[in-house]
Protein backbone atom coordinates (compact mmCIF):
# COMPACT_ATOMS: atom_id res chain seq x y z
CA MET A 1 17.71 -8.53 -1.34
CA MET A 2 14.51 -6.94 -2.15
CA ALA A 3 13.56 -3.85 -3.66
CA GLU A 4 11.75 -1.26 -0.66
CA ALA A 5 8.42 -1.21 -2.78
CA ASP A 6 7.84 -5.08 -2.99
CA CYS A 7 4.15 -5.56 -2.97
CA TYR A 8 0.79 -4.92 -4.58
CA LEU A 9 -1.66 -4.06 -2.03
CA GLY A 10 -5.50 -4.18 -2.99
CA VAL A 11 -7.58 -1.22 -1.07
CA LYS A 12 -10.99 -1.07 -0.55
CA ARG A 13 -12.61 2.38 -1.06
CA CYS A 14 -12.94 3.20 2.50
CA GLY A 15 -9.15 2.49 2.61
CA CYS A 16 -9.06 -0.72 4.30
CA ALA A 17 -6.51 -3.13 3.11
CA VAL A 18 -7.76 -6.57 2.37
CA ALA A 19 -5.41 -8.13 -0.15
CA ILE A 20 -1.74 -8.22 -0.79
CA VAL A 21 0.93 -10.26 -2.77
CA VAL A 22 4.27 -10.50 -2.57
CA ASP A 23 5.96 -8.99 -6.20
CA THR A 24 8.76 -11.52 -6.91
CA PRO A 25 10.57 -11.47 -10.36
CA GLU A 26 10.54 -15.75 -10.12
CA HIS A 27 6.50 -15.19 -9.77
CA GLN A 28 5.75 -12.57 -12.06
CA LYS A 29 2.82 -14.10 -14.20
CA GLU A 30 1.30 -15.51 -11.04
CA VAL A 31 1.64 -11.56 -9.85
CA ARG A 32 -0.03 -9.89 -12.49
CA LYS A 33 -2.93 -12.43 -12.49
CA SER A 34 -3.66 -11.81 -8.77
CA VAL A 35 -3.22 -7.77 -9.36
CA ALA A 36 -5.68 -7.95 -12.13
CA GLU A 37 -8.12 -10.21 -9.89
CA PHE A 38 -7.64 -7.19 -7.10
CA MET A 39 -9.06 -4.56 -9.65
CA ARG A 40 -11.68 -6.89 -11.25
CA GLY A 41 -12.84 -6.89 -7.41
CA GLY A 42 -12.65 -2.97 -7.48
CA LEU A 43 -10.05 -2.60 -5.58
CA VAL A 44 -7.45 0.07 -5.36
CA ILE A 45 -3.61 -1.08 -5.65
CA GLU A 46 -1.05 0.66 -4.00
CA ARG A 47 2.97 -0.93 -4.49
CA VAL A 48 4.36 -0.95 -0.90
CA THR A 49 6.54 -2.18 1.48
CA ARG A 50 6.16 -5.68 2.40
CA ASP A 51 6.23 -4.53 6.01
CA ASP A 52 3.99 -1.73 5.41
CA GLY A 53 1.69 -3.65 3.12
CA VAL A 54 1.86 -6.74 5.92
CA ASP A 55 0.88 -4.24 9.00
CA ARG A 56 -2.08 -2.55 7.03
CA LEU A 57 -3.91 -5.65 5.56
CA LEU A 58 -3.09 -7.07 9.67
CA ARG A 59 -4.29 -3.98 11.08
CA GLY A 60 -7.69 -4.34 10.94
CA GLY A 61 -8.18 -5.13 6.69
CA ARG A 62 -8.71 -8.76 6.96
CA HIS A 63 -11.98 -7.46 9.09
CA CYS A 64 -13.56 -4.57 7.24
CA THR A 65 -16.57 -3.60 8.94
CA HIS A 66 -17.78 -1.05 6.49
CA GLY A 67 -19.50 -3.52 3.98
CA GLN A 68 -18.53 -1.63 0.95
CA ALA A 69 -17.48 -3.58 -2.07
CA GLY A 70 -14.38 -2.72 -3.16
């Protein structure tokens, strides 16, 4: 069973979630690379449950119309 907080969410300044990576022990190197990429893109990183992260991403983040980078 995974921990309750098992994802990193990349969030734009407007509040829209636009990126997600699942934190798994067997893929720690790839997770770190993804989080670093999110940060280079100007995103704020939040550690959330997988269900919350996917919900936020699908609730509108993929289609952010705020036009703000990062």
